[in-house]
Amino acid sequence: MVGTPPTGGSGGGAGRAVLWAALGAVVASAAWAAGVFVIGGTGDDPDLRGYKAPANLCTSADYSSFKDEYPEKDGTPTDNTLEDTALDQGYCSISLKKTGSSYADAYLSVQLDLHKKTDPGPEFTAQWKNYDDSHDGYDVDPVTGIGDEAYIVSEDTTNGTDSGSRYATLAVRDGWVTYTMGYSSYLSSYDDDKDPPELDEVIDWLKTDTRTTLDDLKD
């Protein structure tokens, strides 16, 4: 599960560096913990649909739709992998930077889980379909045409001001495989005359890049 982003930010280079370092640590920790503790009913042969967990998800996940907005490359993305008889997992967090930015203007995280002993379906549905029941202020929308089921979870706290955040995560289940791709940005990290992309645009990018990534991860 992609963690809920903090609701505040700080301006200036040093403040932005601290902000995004803290956010990265929180999201990485939450996502990693969510994948390691696997729950669900037992099954027979895992329904992995031909997916394989890559050695490095940072180099295997597509996020090209974001590169016009954030062309600067993150030279040190965070990558974690896990191989076990019950679960194969890959996780990557990426700092998104506009041209000339020294610090992250936005943040992207991706996680792939191949559940080899338990069917994640019931828990996946409960977690994402009902996300707004346990997280105030979030919208949940089902997505068709990607996997067996998928949901967009989003929040925009900017409200026409020069502060606040924008957040969107696309969560997909295809058989016993789950994939999440999440984006978050703060207006305080942008120049006064610029705003982060609108959530509708970000959601389109998430859908496009998730489709490409899932296709590429199959045999």
Protein backbone atom coordinates (compact mmCIF):
# COMPACT_ATOMS: atom_id res chain seq x y z
CA MET A 1 0.00 0.00 0.00
CA VAL A 2 1.24 3.43 -0.85
CA GLY A 3 1.34 5.52 2.31
CA THR A 4 -0.79 8.61 2.85
CA PRO A 5 1.33 11.70 2.15
CA PRO A 6 1.92 14.36 4.81
CA THR A 7 -0.35 17.40 4.53
CA GLY A 8 2.31 20.09 4.89
CA GLY A 9 5.45 21.24 3.08
CA SER A 10 8.25 23.77 3.37
CA GLY A 11 9.73 26.22 0.92
CA GLY A 12 13.36 26.78 0.08
CA GLY A 13 16.06 24.36 -0.99
CA ALA A 14 17.01 23.01 2.43
CA GLY A 15 13.39 22.68 3.53
CA ARG A 16 12.45 20.90 0.32
CA ALA A 17 15.34 18.50 0.69
CA VAL A 18 14.26 17.58 4.22
CA LEU A 19 10.60 17.35 3.16
CA TRP A 20 11.18 14.94 0.30
CA ALA A 21 13.74 12.86 2.17
CA ALA A 22 11.21 12.38 4.97
CA LEU A 23 8.37 11.65 2.54
CA GLY A 24 10.46 9.12 0.68
CA ALA A 25 11.35 7.31 3.89
CA VAL A 26 7.73 7.22 5.07
CA VAL A 27 6.30 5.98 1.77
CA ALA A 28 9.08 3.45 1.24
CA SER A 29 8.69 2.07 4.76
CA ALA A 30 4.90 1.83 4.49
CA ALA A 31 4.97 0.22 1.07
CA TRP A 32 7.67 -2.25 2.01
CA ALA A 33 5.93 -3.29 5.23
CA ALA A 34 2.61 -3.72 3.43
CA GLY A 35 4.17 -6.11 0.95
CA VAL A 36 6.17 -8.16 3.43
CA PHE A 37 3.23 -9.04 5.66
CA VAL A 38 1.13 -11.11 3.29
CA ILE A 39 -2.38 -12.13 4.22
CA GLY A 40 -5.14 -13.95 2.42
CA GLY A 41 -6.67 -17.36 1.87
CA THR A 42 -4.63 -20.32 0.73
CA GLY A 43 -4.93 -21.57 -2.81
CA ASP A 44 -3.50 -24.15 -5.17
CA ASP A 45 -1.23 -23.03 -7.99
CA PRO A 46 -0.59 -19.28 -7.93
CA ASP A 47 -2.28 -17.37 -10.74
CA LEU A 48 0.70 -15.20 -11.74
CA ARG A 49 -0.44 -14.59 -15.35
CA GLY A 50 3.11 -14.92 -16.67
CA TYR A 51 4.55 -12.04 -14.64
CA LYS A 52 8.15 -12.12 -13.45
CA ALA A 53 9.62 -9.91 -10.74
CA PRO A 54 12.54 -7.91 -12.17
CA ALA A 55 15.91 -7.66 -10.46
CA ASN A 56 15.48 -3.87 -10.30
CA LEU A 57 12.02 -2.33 -10.59
CA CYS A 58 13.51 1.16 -10.98
CA THR A 59 14.95 0.18 -14.35
CA SER A 60 11.93 -1.93 -15.38
CA ALA A 61 8.98 0.33 -14.50
CA ASP A 62 7.90 2.77 -17.19
CA TYR A 63 7.26 6.36 -16.13
CA SER A 64 7.93 8.08 -19.44
CA SER A 65 4.61 9.96 -19.33
CA PHE A 66 6.00 12.07 -16.49
CA LYS A 67 9.24 13.03 -18.21
CA ASP A 68 7.98 16.05 -20.14
CA GLU A 69 6.91 17.63 -16.85
CA TYR A 70 9.92 16.29 -14.91
CA PRO A 71 12.85 15.85 -17.32
CA GLU A 72 15.66 15.82 -14.74
CA LYS A 73 16.84 12.27 -13.96
CA ASP A 74 16.94 10.93 -10.42
CA GLY A 75 20.45 9.54 -10.13
CA THR A 76 19.79 7.70 -6.86
CA PRO A 77 16.31 6.16 -6.83
CA THR A 78 15.48 3.81 -3.97
CA ASP A 79 15.16 0.16 -5.02
CA ASN A 80 14.20 -2.83 -2.85
CA THR A 81 13.62 -6.44 -3.83
CA LEU A 82 12.40 -9.54 -2.03
CA GLU A 83 12.44 -13.17 -3.17
CA ASP A 84 10.69 -15.80 -1.07
CA THR A 85 8.67 -18.94 -1.58
CA ALA A 86 5.57 -16.97 -0.60
CA LEU A 87 6.25 -13.62 -2.25
CA ASP A 88 8.38 -11.95 -4.90
CA GLN A 89 8.41 -8.18 -4.58
CA GLY A 90 9.97 -5.14 -6.16
CA TYR A 91 9.75 -1.56 -4.94
CA CYS A 92 11.10 1.72 -6.32
CA SER A 93 10.81 5.35 -5.27
CA ILE A 94 11.83 8.14 -7.63
CA SER A 95 12.32 11.87 -7.08
CA LEU A 96 10.73 13.83 -9.93
CA LYS A 97 12.48 17.07 -10.85
CA LYS A 98 11.65 19.89 -13.20
CA THR A 99 14.39 21.42 -15.34
CA GLY A 100 16.96 23.13 -13.14
CA SER A 101 15.60 21.75 -9.86
CA SER A 102 18.16 20.66 -7.27
CA TYR A 103 15.53 19.00 -5.11
CA ALA A 104 12.46 16.92 -5.85
CA ASP A 105 9.38 18.76 -7.10
CA ALA A 106 7.27 15.60 -6.85
CA TYR A 107 7.57 11.99 -5.85
CA LEU A 108 6.74 8.70 -7.59
CA SER A 109 6.63 5.19 -6.12
CA VAL A 110 5.94 1.81 -7.72
CA GLN A 111 5.52 -1.62 -6.18
CA LEU A 112 5.03 -5.08 -7.68
CA ASP A 113 3.96 -8.10 -5.62
CA LEU A 114 3.79 -11.67 -6.92
CA HIS A 115 1.80 -13.60 -4.29
CA LYS A 116 2.83 -17.26 -4.63
CA LYS A 117 1.02 -18.82 -1.66
CA THR A 118 -2.09 -16.72 -1.04
CA ASP A 119 -4.75 -15.09 -3.19
CA PRO A 120 -4.57 -11.31 -2.57
CA GLY A 121 -7.95 -10.66 -4.17
CA PRO A 122 -10.26 -10.24 -1.14
CA GLU A 123 -7.78 -8.09 0.79
CA PHE A 124 -6.93 -6.01 -2.27
CA THR A 125 -10.58 -5.20 -2.87
CA ALA A 126 -11.21 -4.40 0.78
CA GLN A 127 -8.16 -2.16 1.01
CA TRP A 128 -8.53 -0.11 -2.19
CA LYS A 129 -12.26 -0.12 -2.97
CA ASN A 130 -12.98 1.13 0.54
CA TYR A 131 -9.95 3.41 0.91
CA ASP A 132 -12.09 6.50 1.38
CA ASP A 133 -13.90 4.87 4.31
CA SER A 134 -10.72 4.93 6.41
CA HIS A 135 -9.00 7.99 4.88
CA ASP A 136 -10.96 11.23 4.98
CA GLY A 137 -10.73 13.49 1.95
CA TYR A 138 -9.76 10.84 -0.60
CA ASP A 139 -11.70 9.89 -3.73
CA VAL A 140 -11.83 6.30 -5.03
CA ASP A 141 -12.72 5.49 -8.62
CA PRO A 142 -12.74 2.03 -10.24
CA VAL A 143 -10.71 1.65 -13.42
CA THR A 144 -11.61 -0.74 -16.24
CA GLY A 145 -9.32 -2.27 -18.82
CA ILE A 146 -6.32 -2.86 -16.53
CA GLY A 147 -5.98 -6.26 -14.86
CA ASP A 148 -8.88 -7.98 -13.12
CA GLU A 149 -9.64 -4.92 -10.98
CA ALA A 150 -8.08 -1.53 -10.44
CA TYR A 151 -8.76 1.64 -8.47
CA ILE A 152 -7.58 5.23 -8.55
CA VAL A 153 -7.21 6.83 -5.12
CA SER A 154 -6.68 10.59 -5.20
CA GLU A 155 -6.67 13.72 -3.07
CA ASP A 156 -6.20 17.43 -3.86
CA THR A 157 -5.80 19.81 -0.92
CA THR A 158 -4.72 22.87 -2.94
CA ASN A 159 -8.23 24.38 -3.16
CA GLY A 160 -7.12 27.20 -5.42
CA THR A 161 -4.42 28.38 -3.01
CA ASP A 162 -0.62 28.42 -3.28
CA SER A 163 -0.25 25.59 -0.74
CA GLY A 164 -1.41 22.02 -0.29
CA SER A 165 -0.70 18.77 -2.08
CA ARG A 166 -1.90 16.59 -4.93
CA TYR A 167 -1.83 12.81 -4.62
CA ALA A 168 -2.93 9.92 -6.84
CA THR A 169 -2.30 6.17 -6.75
CA LEU A 170 -3.35 3.54 -9.26
CA ALA A 171 -3.67 0.09 -7.66
CA VAL A 172 -4.09 -2.95 -9.92
CA ARG A 173 -4.68 -6.64 -9.30
CA ASP A 174 -4.17 -9.15 -12.12
CA GLY A 175 -4.69 -12.66 -10.82
CA TRP A 176 -2.40 -13.06 -7.83
CA VAL A 177 -0.23 -10.15 -8.89
CA THR A 178 -0.67 -6.62 -7.54
CA TYR A 179 0.92 -3.41 -8.77
CA THR A 180 0.69 0.13 -7.43
CA MET A 181 2.00 3.37 -8.88
CA GLY A 182 1.66 6.53 -6.79
CA TYR A 183 2.38 10.22 -7.33
CA SER A 184 2.47 13.13 -4.89
CA SER A 185 3.48 16.79 -5.16
CA TYR A 186 3.44 19.95 -3.04
CA LEU A 187 2.70 23.43 -4.32
CA SER A 188 5.35 24.75 -1.94
CA SER A 189 7.97 22.92 -4.02
CA TYR A 190 7.04 24.82 -7.17
CA ASP A 191 7.97 28.31 -8.31
CA ASP A 192 5.34 30.99 -7.65
CA ASP A 193 4.40 31.18 -11.33
CA LYS A 194 4.04 27.42 -11.82
CA ASP A 195 1.71 24.73 -10.52
CA PRO A 196 1.96 20.92 -10.46
CA PRO A 197 0.00 19.11 -13.17
CA GLU A 198 -3.71 18.65 -12.57
CA LEU A 199 -4.77 15.32 -11.09
CA ASP A 200 -6.72 14.33 -14.22
CA GLU A 201 -3.52 14.61 -16.21
CA VAL A 202 -1.52 12.68 -13.62
CA ILE A 203 -4.14 9.92 -13.55
CA ASP A 204 -3.88 9.55 -17.34
CA TRP A 205 -0.09 9.23 -16.98
CA LEU A 206 -0.46 6.60 -14.27
CA LYS A 207 -2.80 4.52 -16.44
CA THR A 208 -0.59 4.75 -19.52
CA ASP A 209 2.65 3.86 -17.75
CA THR A 210 1.07 1.09 -15.67
CA ARG A 211 -0.28 -0.61 -18.80
CA THR A 212 3.15 -0.45 -20.42
CA THR A 213 4.94 -1.74 -17.33
CA LEU A 214 2.58 -4.67 -16.81
CA ASP A 215 2.90 -5.68 -20.46
CA ASP A 216 6.70 -5.53 -20.20
CA LEU A 217 6.81 -7.63 -17.01
CA LYS A 218 5.08 -10.61 -18.59
CA ASP A 219 7.00 -13.48 -20.18
